[in-house]
N, C-alpha and C. Protein backbone atom coordinates (compact mmCIF):
# COMPACT_ATOMS: atom_id res chain seq x y z
N MET A 1 11.11 -10.41 -16.46
CA MET A 1 9.68 -10.68 -16.34
C MET A 1 9.47 -12.17 -16.05
N SER A 2 8.43 -12.42 -15.29
CA SER A 2 8.11 -13.80 -14.96
C SER A 2 7.27 -14.42 -16.08
N VAL A 3 6.95 -15.69 -15.89
CA VAL A 3 6.10 -16.40 -16.86
C VAL A 3 4.75 -15.69 -16.97
N GLN A 4 4.23 -15.16 -15.84
CA GLN A 4 2.94 -14.48 -15.84
C GLN A 4 3.04 -13.07 -16.40
N GLY A 5 4.24 -12.62 -16.69
CA GLY A 5 4.42 -11.28 -17.22
C GLY A 5 4.66 -10.23 -16.16
N PHE A 6 4.92 -10.63 -14.92
CA PHE A 6 5.17 -9.68 -13.85
C PHE A 6 6.66 -9.46 -13.66
N SER A 7 7.01 -8.32 -13.14
CA SER A 7 8.41 -8.02 -12.86
C SER A 7 8.91 -8.93 -11.74
N SER A 8 10.22 -9.02 -11.60
CA SER A 8 10.78 -9.87 -10.54
C SER A 8 10.40 -9.30 -9.16
N ARG A 9 10.32 -7.98 -9.04
CA ARG A 9 9.90 -7.36 -7.76
C ARG A 9 8.48 -7.81 -7.42
N THR A 10 7.58 -7.74 -8.39
CA THR A 10 6.19 -8.16 -8.16
C THR A 10 6.14 -9.64 -7.84
N ASP A 11 6.92 -10.46 -8.54
CA ASP A 11 6.95 -11.90 -8.24
C ASP A 11 7.38 -12.15 -6.80
N ARG A 12 8.37 -11.40 -6.31
CA ARG A 12 8.81 -11.56 -4.92
C ARG A 12 7.68 -11.17 -3.97
N MET A 13 6.97 -10.11 -4.28
CA MET A 13 5.86 -9.68 -3.43
C MET A 13 4.72 -10.70 -3.46
N LEU A 14 4.48 -11.30 -4.61
CA LEU A 14 3.45 -12.34 -4.73
C LEU A 14 3.83 -13.58 -3.93
N ASP A 15 5.10 -13.94 -3.96
CA ASP A 15 5.57 -15.07 -3.15
C ASP A 15 5.38 -14.77 -1.67
N ARG A 16 5.67 -13.54 -1.28
CA ARG A 16 5.46 -13.14 0.13
C ARG A 16 3.97 -13.21 0.47
N ALA A 17 3.10 -12.75 -0.44
CA ALA A 17 1.65 -12.81 -0.21
C ALA A 17 1.20 -14.26 -0.04
N ASP A 18 1.75 -15.15 -0.85
CA ASP A 18 1.42 -16.56 -0.75
C ASP A 18 1.81 -17.10 0.63
N ALA A 19 2.99 -16.72 1.09
CA ALA A 19 3.45 -17.17 2.41
C ALA A 19 2.58 -16.59 3.53
N VAL A 20 2.17 -15.34 3.40
CA VAL A 20 1.29 -14.71 4.39
C VAL A 20 -0.03 -15.48 4.46
N CYS A 21 -0.59 -15.80 3.30
CA CYS A 21 -1.86 -16.54 3.25
C CYS A 21 -1.71 -17.93 3.89
N LEU A 22 -0.66 -18.64 3.55
CA LEU A 22 -0.44 -19.97 4.12
C LEU A 22 -0.32 -19.91 5.64
N ARG A 23 0.41 -18.90 6.13
CA ARG A 23 0.60 -18.73 7.56
C ARG A 23 -0.74 -18.47 8.26
N ARG A 24 -1.66 -17.83 7.56
CA ARG A 24 -2.98 -17.50 8.13
C ARG A 24 -4.02 -18.59 7.86
N GLY A 25 -3.64 -19.62 7.15
CA GLY A 25 -4.56 -20.71 6.86
C GLY A 25 -5.49 -20.44 5.69
N SER A 26 -5.12 -19.49 4.84
CA SER A 26 -5.92 -19.23 3.64
C SER A 26 -5.07 -19.57 2.41
N ARG A 27 -5.63 -19.35 1.24
CA ARG A 27 -4.93 -19.76 0.02
C ARG A 27 -4.97 -18.67 -1.04
N LEU A 28 -3.83 -18.35 -1.56
CA LEU A 28 -3.73 -17.40 -2.67
C LEU A 28 -3.81 -18.22 -3.96
N THR A 29 -5.03 -18.36 -4.48
CA THR A 29 -5.24 -19.15 -5.70
C THR A 29 -4.56 -18.46 -6.88
N ASP A 30 -4.46 -19.16 -7.99
CA ASP A 30 -3.84 -18.58 -9.18
C ASP A 30 -4.56 -17.30 -9.61
N LEU A 31 -5.89 -17.31 -9.57
CA LEU A 31 -6.65 -16.13 -9.97
C LEU A 31 -6.42 -14.97 -9.01
N ARG A 32 -6.43 -15.22 -7.71
CA ARG A 32 -6.18 -14.17 -6.72
C ARG A 32 -4.77 -13.62 -6.90
N ARG A 33 -3.82 -14.52 -7.16
CA ARG A 33 -2.43 -14.10 -7.38
C ARG A 33 -2.35 -13.20 -8.61
N GLN A 34 -3.06 -13.58 -9.66
CA GLN A 34 -3.06 -12.79 -10.89
C GLN A 34 -3.64 -11.39 -10.64
N VAL A 35 -4.77 -11.33 -9.91
CA VAL A 35 -5.39 -10.03 -9.61
C VAL A 35 -4.45 -9.19 -8.75
N LEU A 36 -3.85 -9.80 -7.74
CA LEU A 36 -2.90 -9.07 -6.90
C LEU A 36 -1.72 -8.58 -7.72
N GLY A 37 -1.20 -9.42 -8.60
CA GLY A 37 -0.10 -9.03 -9.47
C GLY A 37 -0.47 -7.84 -10.33
N LEU A 38 -1.68 -7.83 -10.87
CA LEU A 38 -2.14 -6.71 -11.70
C LEU A 38 -2.25 -5.43 -10.88
N VAL A 39 -2.72 -5.55 -9.64
CA VAL A 39 -2.80 -4.38 -8.76
C VAL A 39 -1.39 -3.83 -8.51
N LEU A 40 -0.46 -4.73 -8.19
CA LEU A 40 0.90 -4.31 -7.88
C LEU A 40 1.60 -3.70 -9.10
N GLU A 41 1.37 -4.28 -10.26
CA GLU A 41 2.03 -3.80 -11.48
C GLU A 41 1.45 -2.47 -11.97
N ALA A 42 0.22 -2.15 -11.56
CA ALA A 42 -0.43 -0.93 -12.05
C ALA A 42 0.37 0.32 -11.68
N GLY A 43 1.02 0.31 -10.52
CA GLY A 43 1.83 1.46 -10.12
C GLY A 43 1.02 2.64 -9.63
N ARG A 44 -0.27 2.50 -9.60
CA ARG A 44 -1.18 3.54 -9.09
C ARG A 44 -2.48 2.86 -8.74
N PRO A 45 -3.37 3.52 -8.05
CA PRO A 45 -4.66 2.88 -7.74
C PRO A 45 -5.37 2.46 -9.01
N VAL A 46 -5.93 1.26 -8.97
CA VAL A 46 -6.57 0.70 -10.16
C VAL A 46 -7.97 0.21 -9.80
N GLY A 47 -8.93 0.54 -10.65
CA GLY A 47 -10.32 0.15 -10.42
C GLY A 47 -10.59 -1.29 -10.81
N ALA A 48 -11.69 -1.82 -10.30
CA ALA A 48 -12.05 -3.21 -10.54
C ALA A 48 -12.27 -3.49 -12.03
N TYR A 49 -12.89 -2.57 -12.74
CA TYR A 49 -13.14 -2.82 -14.16
C TYR A 49 -11.87 -2.72 -15.00
N ASP A 50 -10.92 -1.89 -14.58
CA ASP A 50 -9.62 -1.88 -15.25
C ASP A 50 -8.92 -3.22 -15.04
N LEU A 51 -9.03 -3.74 -13.82
CA LEU A 51 -8.45 -5.06 -13.53
C LEU A 51 -9.13 -6.14 -14.37
N LEU A 52 -10.44 -6.04 -14.50
CA LEU A 52 -11.17 -7.01 -15.30
C LEU A 52 -10.70 -6.99 -16.75
N ASP A 53 -10.51 -5.80 -17.31
CA ASP A 53 -10.02 -5.70 -18.69
C ASP A 53 -8.67 -6.37 -18.85
N LYS A 54 -7.77 -6.14 -17.89
CA LYS A 54 -6.43 -6.75 -17.96
C LYS A 54 -6.50 -8.25 -17.73
N LEU A 55 -7.37 -8.67 -16.84
CA LEU A 55 -7.51 -10.09 -16.53
C LEU A 55 -8.05 -10.86 -17.73
N ARG A 56 -8.90 -10.23 -18.50
CA ARG A 56 -9.52 -10.90 -19.66
C ARG A 56 -8.51 -11.23 -20.76
N THR A 57 -7.33 -10.65 -20.73
CA THR A 57 -6.33 -11.01 -21.74
C THR A 57 -5.90 -12.46 -21.57
N GLY A 58 -5.93 -12.98 -20.35
CA GLY A 58 -5.56 -14.37 -20.10
C GLY A 58 -6.73 -15.25 -19.70
N HIS A 59 -7.81 -14.63 -19.26
CA HIS A 59 -9.02 -15.35 -18.82
C HIS A 59 -10.21 -14.74 -19.54
N LYS A 60 -10.46 -15.21 -20.74
CA LYS A 60 -11.50 -14.62 -21.60
C LYS A 60 -12.88 -14.60 -20.95
N THR A 61 -13.16 -15.55 -20.07
CA THR A 61 -14.49 -15.64 -19.48
C THR A 61 -14.61 -14.88 -18.15
N ALA A 62 -13.59 -14.16 -17.74
CA ALA A 62 -13.63 -13.43 -16.48
C ALA A 62 -14.79 -12.43 -16.49
N ALA A 63 -15.50 -12.36 -15.37
CA ALA A 63 -16.64 -11.47 -15.22
C ALA A 63 -16.45 -10.62 -13.97
N PRO A 64 -17.21 -9.54 -13.83
CA PRO A 64 -17.04 -8.67 -12.65
C PRO A 64 -17.05 -9.41 -11.32
N PRO A 65 -17.96 -10.39 -11.09
CA PRO A 65 -17.92 -11.08 -9.80
C PRO A 65 -16.58 -11.78 -9.53
N THR A 66 -15.92 -12.23 -10.59
CA THR A 66 -14.62 -12.89 -10.46
C THR A 66 -13.62 -11.93 -9.81
N VAL A 67 -13.56 -10.71 -10.34
CA VAL A 67 -12.62 -9.72 -9.82
C VAL A 67 -13.03 -9.28 -8.42
N TYR A 68 -14.31 -9.03 -8.22
CA TYR A 68 -14.76 -8.56 -6.90
C TYR A 68 -14.53 -9.60 -5.81
N ARG A 69 -14.72 -10.88 -6.12
CA ARG A 69 -14.45 -11.93 -5.13
C ARG A 69 -12.96 -11.96 -4.79
N ALA A 70 -12.12 -11.86 -5.82
CA ALA A 70 -10.67 -11.86 -5.57
C ALA A 70 -10.28 -10.63 -4.75
N LEU A 71 -10.82 -9.46 -5.09
CA LEU A 71 -10.50 -8.24 -4.34
C LEU A 71 -10.99 -8.33 -2.90
N ASP A 72 -12.18 -8.89 -2.69
CA ASP A 72 -12.70 -9.06 -1.33
C ASP A 72 -11.75 -9.93 -0.50
N PHE A 73 -11.26 -11.01 -1.10
CA PHE A 73 -10.30 -11.88 -0.41
C PHE A 73 -9.03 -11.10 -0.08
N LEU A 74 -8.49 -10.39 -1.06
CA LEU A 74 -7.24 -9.65 -0.87
C LEU A 74 -7.40 -8.55 0.18
N LEU A 75 -8.56 -7.91 0.22
CA LEU A 75 -8.84 -6.91 1.25
C LEU A 75 -8.90 -7.56 2.62
N GLU A 76 -9.62 -8.68 2.70
CA GLU A 76 -9.77 -9.40 3.96
C GLU A 76 -8.41 -9.85 4.51
N GLU A 77 -7.53 -10.26 3.63
CA GLU A 77 -6.21 -10.71 4.05
C GLU A 77 -5.23 -9.55 4.28
N GLY A 78 -5.66 -8.33 3.97
CA GLY A 78 -4.79 -7.17 4.18
C GLY A 78 -3.71 -7.03 3.13
N LEU A 79 -3.90 -7.65 1.97
CA LEU A 79 -2.89 -7.60 0.91
C LEU A 79 -3.10 -6.43 -0.04
N VAL A 80 -4.30 -5.87 -0.04
CA VAL A 80 -4.59 -4.66 -0.80
C VAL A 80 -5.37 -3.71 0.10
N HIS A 81 -5.38 -2.45 -0.30
CA HIS A 81 -6.21 -1.44 0.34
C HIS A 81 -7.16 -0.89 -0.71
N LYS A 82 -8.32 -0.48 -0.26
CA LYS A 82 -9.22 0.25 -1.15
C LYS A 82 -9.05 1.73 -0.84
N VAL A 83 -8.70 2.49 -1.86
CA VAL A 83 -8.61 3.93 -1.73
C VAL A 83 -10.02 4.43 -2.02
N GLU A 84 -10.74 4.74 -0.96
CA GLU A 84 -12.16 5.06 -1.07
C GLU A 84 -12.40 6.26 -1.98
N ARG A 85 -11.57 7.27 -1.85
CA ARG A 85 -11.73 8.49 -2.64
C ARG A 85 -11.76 8.21 -4.14
N LEU A 86 -11.00 7.20 -4.56
CA LEU A 86 -10.88 6.87 -5.97
C LEU A 86 -11.66 5.62 -6.36
N SER A 87 -12.23 4.94 -5.37
CA SER A 87 -12.87 3.63 -5.59
C SER A 87 -11.93 2.72 -6.39
N ALA A 88 -10.70 2.65 -5.90
CA ALA A 88 -9.65 1.89 -6.58
C ALA A 88 -8.81 1.16 -5.53
N PHE A 89 -7.95 0.29 -6.00
CA PHE A 89 -7.19 -0.59 -5.12
C PHE A 89 -5.69 -0.44 -5.33
N VAL A 90 -4.94 -0.59 -4.23
CA VAL A 90 -3.48 -0.58 -4.28
C VAL A 90 -2.99 -1.72 -3.40
N GLY A 91 -1.81 -2.24 -3.73
CA GLY A 91 -1.22 -3.28 -2.91
C GLY A 91 -0.79 -2.71 -1.57
N CYS A 92 -0.89 -3.52 -0.52
CA CYS A 92 -0.44 -3.11 0.80
C CYS A 92 1.04 -3.40 0.91
N LEU A 93 1.83 -2.37 0.73
CA LEU A 93 3.28 -2.56 0.77
C LEU A 93 3.75 -2.96 2.16
N HIS A 94 3.03 -2.58 3.18
CA HIS A 94 3.37 -2.96 4.55
C HIS A 94 3.40 -4.48 4.68
N GLU A 95 2.43 -5.15 4.07
CA GLU A 95 2.36 -6.62 4.15
C GLU A 95 3.30 -7.31 3.16
N LEU A 96 3.58 -6.65 2.04
CA LEU A 96 4.25 -7.35 0.95
C LEU A 96 5.73 -7.06 0.79
N CYS A 97 6.23 -6.04 1.45
CA CYS A 97 7.66 -5.77 1.35
C CYS A 97 8.40 -6.55 2.44
N GLU A 98 9.66 -6.69 2.27
CA GLU A 98 10.49 -7.38 3.25
C GLU A 98 11.05 -6.35 4.23
N GLU A 99 11.18 -6.74 5.48
CA GLU A 99 11.69 -5.83 6.50
C GLU A 99 13.07 -5.29 6.16
N ASP A 100 13.88 -6.11 5.53
CA ASP A 100 15.27 -5.71 5.28
C ASP A 100 15.48 -5.11 3.88
N ASP A 101 14.39 -4.76 3.17
CA ASP A 101 14.60 -4.21 1.83
C ASP A 101 14.60 -2.68 1.80
N GLY A 102 14.62 -2.05 2.99
CA GLY A 102 14.68 -0.60 3.05
C GLY A 102 13.35 0.07 2.73
N CYS A 103 12.24 -0.63 2.97
CA CYS A 103 10.92 -0.10 2.61
C CYS A 103 10.49 1.05 3.50
N GLY A 104 11.01 1.12 4.73
CA GLY A 104 10.64 2.19 5.64
C GLY A 104 9.38 1.93 6.44
N HIS A 105 8.78 0.74 6.32
CA HIS A 105 7.58 0.42 7.07
C HIS A 105 7.95 -0.21 8.41
N ASP A 106 7.15 0.09 9.42
CA ASP A 106 7.31 -0.51 10.73
C ASP A 106 6.55 -1.84 10.73
N HIS A 107 7.28 -2.96 10.76
CA HIS A 107 6.65 -4.28 10.69
C HIS A 107 6.37 -4.87 12.07
N SER A 108 6.54 -4.08 13.12
CA SER A 108 6.44 -4.63 14.46
C SER A 108 5.02 -4.69 15.01
N GLY A 109 4.12 -3.88 14.51
CA GLY A 109 2.79 -3.84 15.11
C GLY A 109 1.69 -3.79 14.08
N SER A 110 0.52 -3.30 14.54
CA SER A 110 -0.62 -3.21 13.64
C SER A 110 -0.37 -2.12 12.61
N HIS A 111 -1.10 -2.21 11.52
CA HIS A 111 -0.88 -1.32 10.39
C HIS A 111 -2.13 -0.48 10.14
N THR A 112 -1.93 0.81 10.02
CA THR A 112 -3.01 1.73 9.67
C THR A 112 -2.68 2.32 8.32
N ALA A 113 -3.59 2.18 7.37
CA ALA A 113 -3.34 2.66 6.02
C ALA A 113 -3.46 4.18 5.97
N GLN A 114 -2.45 4.81 5.39
CA GLN A 114 -2.42 6.26 5.20
C GLN A 114 -1.97 6.51 3.77
N PHE A 115 -2.75 7.32 3.05
CA PHE A 115 -2.45 7.56 1.64
C PHE A 115 -2.38 9.03 1.32
N LEU A 116 -1.42 9.38 0.48
CA LEU A 116 -1.30 10.71 -0.10
C LEU A 116 -1.72 10.55 -1.56
N ILE A 117 -2.83 11.14 -1.94
CA ILE A 117 -3.41 10.96 -3.27
C ILE A 117 -3.19 12.23 -4.08
N CYS A 118 -2.54 12.09 -5.22
CA CYS A 118 -2.26 13.23 -6.08
C CYS A 118 -3.45 13.48 -7.01
N SER A 119 -4.02 14.67 -6.92
CA SER A 119 -5.14 15.02 -7.80
C SER A 119 -4.66 15.39 -9.19
N GLY A 120 -3.34 15.53 -9.37
CA GLY A 120 -2.79 15.82 -10.69
C GLY A 120 -2.59 14.58 -11.53
N CYS A 121 -1.82 13.62 -11.02
CA CYS A 121 -1.48 12.43 -11.81
C CYS A 121 -2.22 11.17 -11.37
N GLY A 122 -2.92 11.23 -10.24
CA GLY A 122 -3.69 10.08 -9.77
C GLY A 122 -2.90 9.06 -8.96
N SER A 123 -1.64 9.35 -8.66
CA SER A 123 -0.86 8.40 -7.87
C SER A 123 -1.34 8.41 -6.42
N ALA A 124 -1.09 7.32 -5.73
CA ALA A 124 -1.40 7.23 -4.30
C ALA A 124 -0.18 6.62 -3.62
N THR A 125 0.36 7.34 -2.68
CA THR A 125 1.54 6.87 -1.95
C THR A 125 1.10 6.43 -0.56
N GLU A 126 1.40 5.18 -0.24
CA GLU A 126 1.10 4.68 1.10
C GLU A 126 2.23 5.10 2.03
N ILE A 127 1.86 5.73 3.13
CA ILE A 127 2.86 6.09 4.13
C ILE A 127 2.55 5.31 5.40
N ASP A 128 3.52 5.23 6.27
CA ASP A 128 3.37 4.49 7.51
C ASP A 128 3.92 5.38 8.62
N ASP A 129 3.10 6.31 9.10
CA ASP A 129 3.55 7.27 10.11
C ASP A 129 2.88 6.92 11.43
N PRO A 130 3.64 6.36 12.37
CA PRO A 130 3.06 5.95 13.65
C PRO A 130 2.42 7.11 14.42
N SER A 131 2.90 8.34 14.22
CA SER A 131 2.33 9.47 14.95
C SER A 131 0.90 9.76 14.50
N ILE A 132 0.59 9.52 13.23
CA ILE A 132 -0.78 9.70 12.74
C ILE A 132 -1.68 8.68 13.40
N HIS A 133 -1.22 7.44 13.43
CA HIS A 133 -1.99 6.37 14.07
C HIS A 133 -2.21 6.68 15.55
N ALA A 134 -1.16 7.08 16.25
CA ALA A 134 -1.26 7.36 17.68
C ALA A 134 -2.21 8.53 17.95
N SER A 135 -2.13 9.56 17.14
CA SER A 135 -2.99 10.72 17.31
C SER A 135 -4.45 10.36 17.10
N LEU A 136 -4.73 9.59 16.06
CA LEU A 136 -6.10 9.17 15.78
C LEU A 136 -6.62 8.23 16.87
N ALA A 137 -5.78 7.32 17.34
CA ALA A 137 -6.18 6.39 18.40
C ALA A 137 -6.50 7.15 19.69
N ALA A 138 -5.70 8.16 20.02
CA ALA A 138 -5.95 8.96 21.22
C ALA A 138 -7.25 9.74 21.10
N ALA A 139 -7.51 10.32 19.93
CA ALA A 139 -8.76 11.06 19.71
C ALA A 139 -9.96 10.12 19.81
N ALA A 140 -9.83 8.91 19.26
CA ALA A 140 -10.92 7.93 19.33
C ALA A 140 -11.18 7.53 20.78
N ARG A 141 -10.12 7.30 21.57
CA ARG A 141 -10.28 6.94 22.99
C ARG A 141 -11.01 8.05 23.74
N ARG A 142 -10.61 9.30 23.50
CA ARG A 142 -11.25 10.43 24.18
C ARG A 142 -12.74 10.49 23.85
N ALA A 143 -13.10 10.08 22.65
CA ALA A 143 -14.51 10.10 22.22
C ALA A 143 -15.24 8.81 22.61
N GLY A 144 -14.52 7.88 23.24
CA GLY A 144 -15.13 6.60 23.60
C GLY A 144 -15.43 5.73 22.40
N PHE A 145 -14.64 5.89 21.35
CA PHE A 145 -14.86 5.19 20.09
C PHE A 145 -13.79 4.14 19.90
N LYS A 146 -14.18 2.97 19.40
CA LYS A 146 -13.23 1.89 19.12
C LYS A 146 -13.25 1.58 17.63
N PRO A 147 -12.32 2.13 16.87
CA PRO A 147 -12.33 1.87 15.41
C PRO A 147 -11.95 0.42 15.10
N HIS A 148 -12.60 -0.12 14.06
CA HIS A 148 -12.28 -1.47 13.57
C HIS A 148 -11.27 -1.41 12.44
N LYS A 149 -11.36 -0.35 11.67
CA LYS A 149 -10.50 -0.19 10.50
C LYS A 149 -10.23 1.30 10.33
N VAL A 150 -8.99 1.64 10.02
CA VAL A 150 -8.64 3.04 9.84
C VAL A 150 -7.88 3.21 8.54
N THR A 151 -8.38 4.10 7.70
CA THR A 151 -7.68 4.50 6.49
C THR A 151 -7.72 6.01 6.42
N VAL A 152 -6.57 6.62 6.32
CA VAL A 152 -6.47 8.07 6.22
C VAL A 152 -6.09 8.40 4.79
N GLU A 153 -6.84 9.30 4.17
CA GLU A 153 -6.57 9.70 2.79
C GLU A 153 -6.44 11.22 2.74
N ALA A 154 -5.33 11.69 2.22
CA ALA A 154 -5.10 13.13 2.02
C ALA A 154 -4.92 13.37 0.54
N GLU A 155 -5.64 14.35 0.01
CA GLU A 155 -5.56 14.66 -1.42
C GLU A 155 -4.81 15.97 -1.61
N GLY A 156 -3.95 16.00 -2.60
CA GLY A 156 -3.16 17.19 -2.92
C GLY A 156 -2.34 16.93 -4.17
N LEU A 157 -1.15 17.50 -4.21
CA LEU A 157 -0.28 17.32 -5.36
C LEU A 157 1.03 16.66 -4.92
N CYS A 158 1.47 15.66 -5.69
CA CYS A 158 2.77 15.03 -5.42
C CYS A 158 3.87 16.03 -5.78
N SER A 159 5.09 15.68 -5.46
CA SER A 159 6.21 16.61 -5.71
C SER A 159 6.39 16.89 -7.20
N LEU A 160 6.20 15.87 -8.05
CA LEU A 160 6.35 16.09 -9.49
C LEU A 160 5.28 17.02 -10.05
N CYS A 161 4.02 16.80 -9.63
CA CYS A 161 2.94 17.67 -10.11
C CYS A 161 3.06 19.08 -9.54
N SER A 162 3.52 19.18 -8.29
CA SER A 162 3.74 20.50 -7.68
C SER A 162 4.80 21.26 -8.46
N ALA A 163 5.89 20.57 -8.80
CA ALA A 163 6.97 21.21 -9.55
C ALA A 163 6.49 21.64 -10.94
N ALA A 164 5.69 20.78 -11.58
CA ALA A 164 5.17 21.12 -12.91
C ALA A 164 4.23 22.31 -12.83
N THR A 165 3.41 22.37 -11.79
CA THR A 165 2.48 23.50 -11.62
C THR A 165 3.25 24.78 -11.35
N ALA A 166 4.29 24.68 -10.53
CA ALA A 166 5.10 25.87 -10.22
C ALA A 166 5.86 26.35 -11.44
N ALA A 167 6.25 25.44 -12.32
CA ALA A 167 7.03 25.82 -13.50
C ALA A 167 6.18 26.48 -14.58
N ARG A 168 4.88 26.21 -14.60
CA ARG A 168 4.00 26.76 -15.65
C ARG A 168 3.97 28.28 -15.67
N PRO A 169 3.71 28.97 -14.55
CA PRO A 169 3.69 30.44 -14.61
C PRO A 169 5.03 31.02 -15.02
N ALA A 170 6.12 30.39 -14.58
CA ALA A 170 7.46 30.87 -14.96
C ALA A 170 7.67 30.74 -16.46
N ALA A 171 7.18 29.64 -17.03
CA ALA A 171 7.34 29.42 -18.48
C ALA A 171 6.54 30.47 -19.25
N ARG A 172 5.35 30.82 -18.78
CA ARG A 172 4.54 31.82 -19.45
C ARG A 172 5.17 33.21 -19.35
N ALA A 173 5.81 33.49 -18.22
CA ALA A 173 6.44 34.79 -18.02
C ALA A 173 7.61 34.98 -18.98
N HIS A 174 8.27 33.89 -19.34
CA HIS A 174 9.41 33.97 -20.25
C HIS A 174 9.00 33.82 -21.71
N GLY A 175 7.75 33.50 -21.94
CA GLY A 175 7.29 33.19 -23.29
C GLY A 175 6.83 34.37 -23.97
C-alpha cells in the first residue's frame, strides 16, 4: 500500500494519469488524484456520494461540489467514465493501463467506452471491441449523424452471477 492507502497497481495508474494530464497541459491536483484513486480502488462503479464519504476520512470539510468538480475534471480528461445506467463512475482502463501490461486494450486510436454491467453483483467491465465501435460509426454515418461521445452499456449477468444462478435450481433439486 502507498502512503495514501492505495495499492501499488493503483499508484502506477495514478502516476500514468498524472503524466497524461501533464502531456495535455492540465494538472492532476492532490484532491483529483485522491478521487481518482478512490474510483480505481472501488473495483466497481462508485457513486459521487460514496466517494464523498470515503474522501471525508482524510478531508473532513469535503462537500459534494468538491467531488463533482474533481469528477468533472476526470471525465473531461478521459480518466473516468460515467456509467449512466448506474449514475456511477469507473476508471478508464484504456487511458490508465500500460500498453505492455497485457491489458488487451487497443492504444492506437480513439476510445469508445463499452460496459458490461452485472445486474446481480453491480460490477461493470469495460471492454474495448473495435467491431462495436466500427458498427456504431457506420450506422451513424448512414443516418447522417456525427456522435461526439459514445458509451455503450449492456446489462446482464457476469459469469460468476450466471454460474450462481444456474447452481441454485440444481441445489434445490438435490435438497
